[in-house]
Amino acid sequence: MRWAARSSARTIVCVWRFAECAGAATITSTGFTKVPGTELAAVCDVDEGVSSKRVGEIEKLGLPKPKSYVDVRKLLEDKDIDAISIATPNHWHSLMAIWGCQAGKDVYVEKPCSHNTF
């Protein structure tokens, strides 16, 4: 992962849109929290209730409490955020990835078509 190699990199962000898109188990299974020098710094969901729930789940895992955002544009303004991981419905993937790159963030995004070739 490119950001893990940079000495200044220390943050990873998971960006959510719906409760069904991701959860605390997904965060840890991605391996981001296992990369030396990284931190799950923030979560983002338009539903504040979902975001609060995710923050609680992350804390239960023994990880530091992340920041919480409801607007991904505000998250992208945060200079402490080095990278984002996008787990949203299909129609948001491209736009969030472009915004992330424009904001100077490293971006991890999986499109459903990348899981298989059929």
N, C-alpha and C. Protein backbone atom coordinates (compact mmCIF):
# COMPACT_ATOMS: atom_id res chain seq x y z
N MET A 1 0.84 -1.17 0.00
CA MET A 1 0.00 0.00 0.00
C MET A 1 0.88 1.23 0.00
N ARG A 2 0.65 2.11 -0.90
CA ARG A 2 1.51 3.26 -1.09
C ARG A 2 1.64 4.11 0.15
N TRP A 3 0.51 4.37 0.85
CA TRP A 3 0.56 5.26 1.99
C TRP A 3 1.32 4.66 3.17
N ALA A 4 1.39 3.34 3.24
CA ALA A 4 2.11 2.71 4.34
C ALA A 4 3.61 2.94 4.19
N ALA A 5 4.07 3.17 2.98
CA ALA A 5 5.49 3.36 2.74
C ALA A 5 5.94 4.80 3.02
N ARG A 6 5.01 5.74 3.03
CA ARG A 6 5.37 7.14 3.27
C ARG A 6 5.53 7.37 4.76
N SER A 7 6.59 8.04 5.13
CA SER A 7 6.84 8.26 6.55
C SER A 7 5.80 9.18 7.19
N SER A 8 5.20 10.06 6.40
CA SER A 8 4.23 10.99 6.97
C SER A 8 2.83 10.40 7.07
N ALA A 9 2.59 9.28 6.40
CA ALA A 9 1.24 8.70 6.40
C ALA A 9 0.94 8.06 7.75
N ARG A 10 -0.26 8.32 8.26
CA ARG A 10 -0.64 7.71 9.51
C ARG A 10 -2.13 7.46 9.62
N THR A 11 -2.89 7.81 8.62
CA THR A 11 -4.32 7.69 8.77
C THR A 11 -4.98 6.99 7.60
N ILE A 12 -5.98 6.22 7.94
CA ILE A 12 -6.84 5.57 6.96
C ILE A 12 -8.27 5.93 7.35
N VAL A 13 -9.10 6.18 6.38
CA VAL A 13 -10.48 6.51 6.66
C VAL A 13 -11.39 5.57 5.90
N CYS A 14 -12.41 5.08 6.56
CA CYS A 14 -13.44 4.32 5.86
C CYS A 14 -14.63 5.24 5.63
N VAL A 15 -15.08 5.30 4.42
CA VAL A 15 -16.21 6.14 4.06
C VAL A 15 -17.41 5.25 3.78
N TRP A 16 -18.50 5.48 4.51
CA TRP A 16 -19.70 4.67 4.35
C TRP A 16 -20.85 5.52 3.84
N ARG A 17 -21.85 4.85 3.33
CA ARG A 17 -23.08 5.53 2.93
C ARG A 17 -24.29 4.88 3.60
N PHE A 18 -24.32 3.57 3.68
CA PHE A 18 -25.43 2.86 4.30
C PHE A 18 -24.90 1.85 5.29
N ALA A 19 -25.71 1.51 6.27
CA ALA A 19 -25.31 0.54 7.29
C ALA A 19 -24.91 -0.80 6.68
N GLU A 20 -25.57 -1.18 5.59
CA GLU A 20 -25.30 -2.48 5.00
C GLU A 20 -23.97 -2.54 4.26
N CYS A 21 -23.36 -1.40 4.01
CA CYS A 21 -22.15 -1.39 3.18
C CYS A 21 -20.92 -1.89 3.92
N ALA A 22 -20.81 -1.58 5.19
CA ALA A 22 -19.59 -1.95 5.90
C ALA A 22 -19.86 -1.97 7.39
N GLY A 23 -19.01 -2.62 8.10
CA GLY A 23 -19.12 -2.69 9.55
C GLY A 23 -17.75 -2.85 10.15
N ALA A 24 -17.69 -2.91 11.45
CA ALA A 24 -16.40 -3.01 12.13
C ALA A 24 -15.63 -4.24 11.68
N ALA A 25 -16.32 -5.36 11.45
CA ALA A 25 -15.64 -6.57 11.01
C ALA A 25 -14.98 -6.35 9.64
N THR A 26 -15.66 -5.61 8.78
CA THR A 26 -15.10 -5.31 7.46
C THR A 26 -13.85 -4.45 7.60
N ILE A 27 -13.87 -3.51 8.51
CA ILE A 27 -12.72 -2.63 8.70
C ILE A 27 -11.48 -3.45 9.05
N THR A 28 -11.61 -4.34 10.02
CA THR A 28 -10.45 -5.10 10.45
C THR A 28 -10.05 -6.12 9.40
N SER A 29 -11.01 -6.66 8.65
CA SER A 29 -10.67 -7.67 7.65
C SER A 29 -9.93 -7.06 6.47
N THR A 30 -10.06 -5.77 6.25
CA THR A 30 -9.35 -5.15 5.14
C THR A 30 -7.85 -5.13 5.39
N GLY A 31 -7.46 -5.23 6.64
CA GLY A 31 -6.04 -5.22 6.95
C GLY A 31 -5.49 -3.83 7.18
N PHE A 32 -6.29 -2.81 6.92
CA PHE A 32 -5.79 -1.45 7.10
C PHE A 32 -5.32 -1.21 8.53
N THR A 33 -6.04 -1.76 9.48
CA THR A 33 -5.67 -1.51 10.88
C THR A 33 -4.43 -2.30 11.29
N LYS A 34 -4.00 -3.22 10.45
CA LYS A 34 -2.82 -4.02 10.76
C LYS A 34 -1.56 -3.48 10.11
N VAL A 35 -1.68 -2.48 9.25
CA VAL A 35 -0.52 -1.91 8.58
C VAL A 35 0.21 -0.99 9.57
N PRO A 36 1.48 -1.25 9.82
CA PRO A 36 2.22 -0.41 10.77
C PRO A 36 2.16 1.06 10.38
N GLY A 37 1.95 1.91 11.38
CA GLY A 37 1.93 3.35 11.16
C GLY A 37 0.60 3.89 10.68
N THR A 38 -0.43 3.06 10.64
CA THR A 38 -1.74 3.55 10.21
C THR A 38 -2.70 3.62 11.39
N GLU A 39 -3.73 4.41 11.20
CA GLU A 39 -4.74 4.64 12.23
C GLU A 39 -6.08 4.78 11.53
N LEU A 40 -7.10 4.17 12.07
CA LEU A 40 -8.45 4.38 11.55
C LEU A 40 -8.91 5.71 12.14
N ALA A 41 -8.74 6.77 11.39
CA ALA A 41 -8.89 8.12 11.92
C ALA A 41 -10.30 8.68 11.88
N ALA A 42 -11.14 8.18 10.97
CA ALA A 42 -12.48 8.76 10.82
C ALA A 42 -13.40 7.81 10.10
N VAL A 43 -14.69 8.00 10.34
CA VAL A 43 -15.73 7.32 9.58
C VAL A 43 -16.67 8.39 9.04
N CYS A 44 -17.37 8.05 7.96
CA CYS A 44 -18.29 9.00 7.36
C CYS A 44 -19.53 8.27 6.90
N ASP A 45 -20.67 8.77 7.30
CA ASP A 45 -21.96 8.23 6.86
C ASP A 45 -22.97 9.36 6.94
N VAL A 46 -23.86 9.46 5.95
CA VAL A 46 -24.86 10.52 5.97
C VAL A 46 -25.86 10.35 7.11
N ASP A 47 -25.96 9.17 7.65
CA ASP A 47 -26.84 8.89 8.78
C ASP A 47 -26.01 8.95 10.06
N GLU A 48 -26.22 9.99 10.87
CA GLU A 48 -25.43 10.16 12.09
C GLU A 48 -25.58 8.98 13.04
N GLY A 49 -26.74 8.35 13.04
CA GLY A 49 -26.96 7.18 13.89
C GLY A 49 -26.05 6.02 13.50
N VAL A 50 -25.92 5.80 12.20
CA VAL A 50 -25.05 4.73 11.70
C VAL A 50 -23.60 5.07 12.02
N SER A 51 -23.22 6.31 11.80
CA SER A 51 -21.85 6.74 12.08
C SER A 51 -21.51 6.55 13.55
N SER A 52 -22.41 6.94 14.44
CA SER A 52 -22.19 6.78 15.88
C SER A 52 -22.05 5.31 16.25
N LYS A 53 -22.88 4.47 15.63
CA LYS A 53 -22.81 3.03 15.88
C LYS A 53 -21.45 2.48 15.46
N ARG A 54 -20.97 2.88 14.30
CA ARG A 54 -19.67 2.42 13.80
C ARG A 54 -18.54 2.88 14.72
N VAL A 55 -18.60 4.12 15.19
CA VAL A 55 -17.57 4.62 16.11
C VAL A 55 -17.55 3.75 17.36
N GLY A 56 -18.72 3.41 17.88
CA GLY A 56 -18.81 2.55 19.06
C GLY A 56 -18.22 1.17 18.81
N GLU A 57 -18.51 0.60 17.64
CA GLU A 57 -17.97 -0.72 17.29
C GLU A 57 -16.45 -0.69 17.20
N ILE A 58 -15.93 0.39 16.65
CA ILE A 58 -14.48 0.53 16.52
C ILE A 58 -13.83 0.64 17.90
N GLU A 59 -14.44 1.41 18.78
CA GLU A 59 -13.91 1.54 20.14
C GLU A 59 -13.94 0.20 20.87
N LYS A 60 -14.99 -0.61 20.63
CA LYS A 60 -15.09 -1.92 21.27
C LYS A 60 -13.97 -2.86 20.82
N LEU A 61 -13.41 -2.59 19.65
CA LEU A 61 -12.29 -3.38 19.15
C LEU A 61 -10.97 -2.97 19.81
N GLY A 62 -11.03 -1.97 20.66
CA GLY A 62 -9.82 -1.50 21.33
C GLY A 62 -9.02 -0.50 20.53
N LEU A 63 -9.62 0.03 19.46
CA LEU A 63 -8.96 1.03 18.63
C LEU A 63 -9.31 2.43 19.14
N PRO A 64 -8.45 3.42 18.87
CA PRO A 64 -8.77 4.79 19.29
C PRO A 64 -10.07 5.28 18.64
N LYS A 65 -10.78 6.15 19.34
CA LYS A 65 -12.04 6.70 18.82
C LYS A 65 -11.77 7.54 17.58
N PRO A 66 -12.39 7.19 16.45
CA PRO A 66 -12.20 7.99 15.23
C PRO A 66 -13.11 9.21 15.21
N LYS A 67 -12.77 10.17 14.37
CA LYS A 67 -13.65 11.30 14.10
C LYS A 67 -14.86 10.77 13.33
N SER A 68 -15.93 11.54 13.35
CA SER A 68 -17.14 11.13 12.65
C SER A 68 -17.60 12.28 11.74
N TYR A 69 -17.89 11.95 10.50
CA TYR A 69 -18.36 12.94 9.52
C TYR A 69 -19.66 12.46 8.90
N VAL A 70 -20.53 13.41 8.52
CA VAL A 70 -21.72 13.08 7.76
C VAL A 70 -21.61 13.56 6.32
N ASP A 71 -20.63 14.39 6.03
CA ASP A 71 -20.42 14.94 4.69
C ASP A 71 -19.00 14.61 4.25
N VAL A 72 -18.87 13.78 3.24
CA VAL A 72 -17.55 13.36 2.78
C VAL A 72 -16.70 14.55 2.34
N ARG A 73 -17.33 15.61 1.87
CA ARG A 73 -16.56 16.79 1.46
C ARG A 73 -15.84 17.43 2.63
N LYS A 74 -16.48 17.44 3.80
CA LYS A 74 -15.84 17.96 5.02
C LYS A 74 -14.69 17.06 5.44
N LEU A 75 -14.91 15.75 5.33
CA LEU A 75 -13.85 14.80 5.64
C LEU A 75 -12.63 15.05 4.76
N LEU A 76 -12.86 15.28 3.48
CA LEU A 76 -11.75 15.49 2.54
C LEU A 76 -11.00 16.79 2.80
N GLU A 77 -11.61 17.73 3.49
CA GLU A 77 -10.93 18.98 3.86
C GLU A 77 -9.97 18.79 5.03
N ASP A 78 -10.11 17.69 5.76
CA ASP A 78 -9.29 17.42 6.94
C ASP A 78 -7.86 17.10 6.52
N LYS A 79 -6.92 17.97 6.85
CA LYS A 79 -5.52 17.80 6.46
C LYS A 79 -4.84 16.66 7.20
N ASP A 80 -5.45 16.16 8.28
CA ASP A 80 -4.88 15.04 9.02
C ASP A 80 -5.17 13.69 8.36
N ILE A 81 -6.05 13.69 7.39
CA ILE A 81 -6.43 12.46 6.70
C ILE A 81 -5.53 12.27 5.48
N ASP A 82 -4.84 11.14 5.42
CA ASP A 82 -3.94 10.86 4.30
C ASP A 82 -4.59 10.00 3.22
N ALA A 83 -5.53 9.13 3.62
CA ALA A 83 -6.08 8.17 2.67
C ALA A 83 -7.53 7.86 3.02
N ILE A 84 -8.29 7.46 1.99
CA ILE A 84 -9.67 7.05 2.23
C ILE A 84 -9.91 5.68 1.60
N SER A 85 -10.78 4.92 2.22
CA SER A 85 -11.25 3.65 1.69
C SER A 85 -12.75 3.81 1.47
N ILE A 86 -13.20 3.57 0.26
CA ILE A 86 -14.59 3.85 -0.09
C ILE A 86 -15.40 2.56 -0.13
N ALA A 87 -16.45 2.51 0.69
CA ALA A 87 -17.38 1.37 0.72
C ALA A 87 -18.78 1.97 0.66
N THR A 88 -19.22 2.26 -0.54
CA THR A 88 -20.50 2.94 -0.75
C THR A 88 -21.28 2.25 -1.86
N PRO A 89 -22.54 2.63 -2.05
CA PRO A 89 -23.27 2.11 -3.21
C PRO A 89 -22.56 2.51 -4.51
N ASN A 90 -22.78 1.73 -5.54
CA ASN A 90 -22.07 1.89 -6.81
C ASN A 90 -22.04 3.31 -7.35
N HIS A 91 -23.16 4.01 -7.29
CA HIS A 91 -23.22 5.32 -7.93
C HIS A 91 -22.37 6.37 -7.22
N TRP A 92 -21.85 6.08 -6.04
CA TRP A 92 -20.98 7.03 -5.33
C TRP A 92 -19.50 6.73 -5.49
N HIS A 93 -19.13 5.53 -5.90
CA HIS A 93 -17.72 5.15 -5.98
C HIS A 93 -16.89 6.15 -6.77
N SER A 94 -17.28 6.40 -8.00
CA SER A 94 -16.46 7.23 -8.89
C SER A 94 -16.31 8.64 -8.36
N LEU A 95 -17.42 9.25 -7.98
CA LEU A 95 -17.37 10.63 -7.54
C LEU A 95 -16.50 10.79 -6.29
N MET A 96 -16.68 9.90 -5.30
CA MET A 96 -15.86 9.99 -4.09
C MET A 96 -14.39 9.74 -4.39
N ALA A 97 -14.11 8.82 -5.30
CA ALA A 97 -12.71 8.55 -5.67
C ALA A 97 -12.09 9.77 -6.33
N ILE A 98 -12.81 10.40 -7.22
CA ILE A 98 -12.30 11.61 -7.89
C ILE A 98 -12.09 12.73 -6.88
N TRP A 99 -13.08 12.96 -6.01
CA TRP A 99 -12.94 14.00 -4.98
C TRP A 99 -11.74 13.71 -4.09
N GLY A 100 -11.55 12.44 -3.73
CA GLY A 100 -10.43 12.06 -2.88
C GLY A 100 -9.10 12.38 -3.55
N CYS A 101 -8.98 12.03 -4.83
CA CYS A 101 -7.74 12.33 -5.57
C CYS A 101 -7.53 13.84 -5.69
N GLN A 102 -8.58 14.57 -5.97
CA GLN A 102 -8.48 16.02 -6.07
C GLN A 102 -8.05 16.66 -4.75
N ALA A 103 -8.44 16.02 -3.65
CA ALA A 103 -8.07 16.54 -2.33
C ALA A 103 -6.67 16.09 -1.91
N GLY A 104 -6.01 15.33 -2.77
CA GLY A 104 -4.65 14.89 -2.47
C GLY A 104 -4.56 13.67 -1.58
N LYS A 105 -5.65 12.93 -1.47
CA LYS A 105 -5.68 11.73 -0.63
C LYS A 105 -5.32 10.51 -1.46
N ASP A 106 -4.74 9.50 -0.81
CA ASP A 106 -4.64 8.19 -1.44
C ASP A 106 -6.03 7.58 -1.35
N VAL A 107 -6.44 6.86 -2.38
CA VAL A 107 -7.80 6.34 -2.45
C VAL A 107 -7.78 4.83 -2.70
N TYR A 108 -8.51 4.09 -1.87
CA TYR A 108 -8.75 2.67 -2.09
C TYR A 108 -10.24 2.53 -2.37
N VAL A 109 -10.56 2.01 -3.55
CA VAL A 109 -11.95 1.83 -3.92
C VAL A 109 -12.09 0.52 -4.69
N GLU A 110 -13.06 -0.29 -4.31
CA GLU A 110 -13.35 -1.53 -5.02
C GLU A 110 -14.65 -1.37 -5.76
N LYS A 111 -14.62 -1.63 -7.02
CA LYS A 111 -15.85 -1.67 -7.81
C LYS A 111 -16.33 -3.11 -7.85
N PRO A 112 -17.64 -3.34 -7.83
CA PRO A 112 -18.15 -4.72 -7.86
C PRO A 112 -17.61 -5.53 -9.03
N CYS A 113 -17.38 -4.92 -10.16
CA CYS A 113 -16.89 -5.68 -11.32
C CYS A 113 -15.46 -6.15 -11.12
N SER A 114 -14.76 -5.64 -10.11
CA SER A 114 -13.39 -6.07 -9.87
C SER A 114 -13.31 -7.38 -9.08
N HIS A 115 -14.44 -7.87 -8.60
CA HIS A 115 -14.47 -9.10 -7.83
C HIS A 115 -14.40 -10.35 -8.70
N ASN A 116 -14.92 -10.28 -9.93
CA ASN A 116 -14.85 -11.40 -10.87
C ASN A 116 -15.04 -10.86 -12.28
N THR A 117 -14.84 -11.73 -13.26
CA THR A 117 -14.91 -11.29 -14.66
C THR A 117 -16.20 -11.65 -15.36
N PHE A 118 -17.17 -12.16 -14.65
CA PHE A 118 -18.44 -12.51 -15.29
C PHE A 118 -19.60 -11.86 -14.61
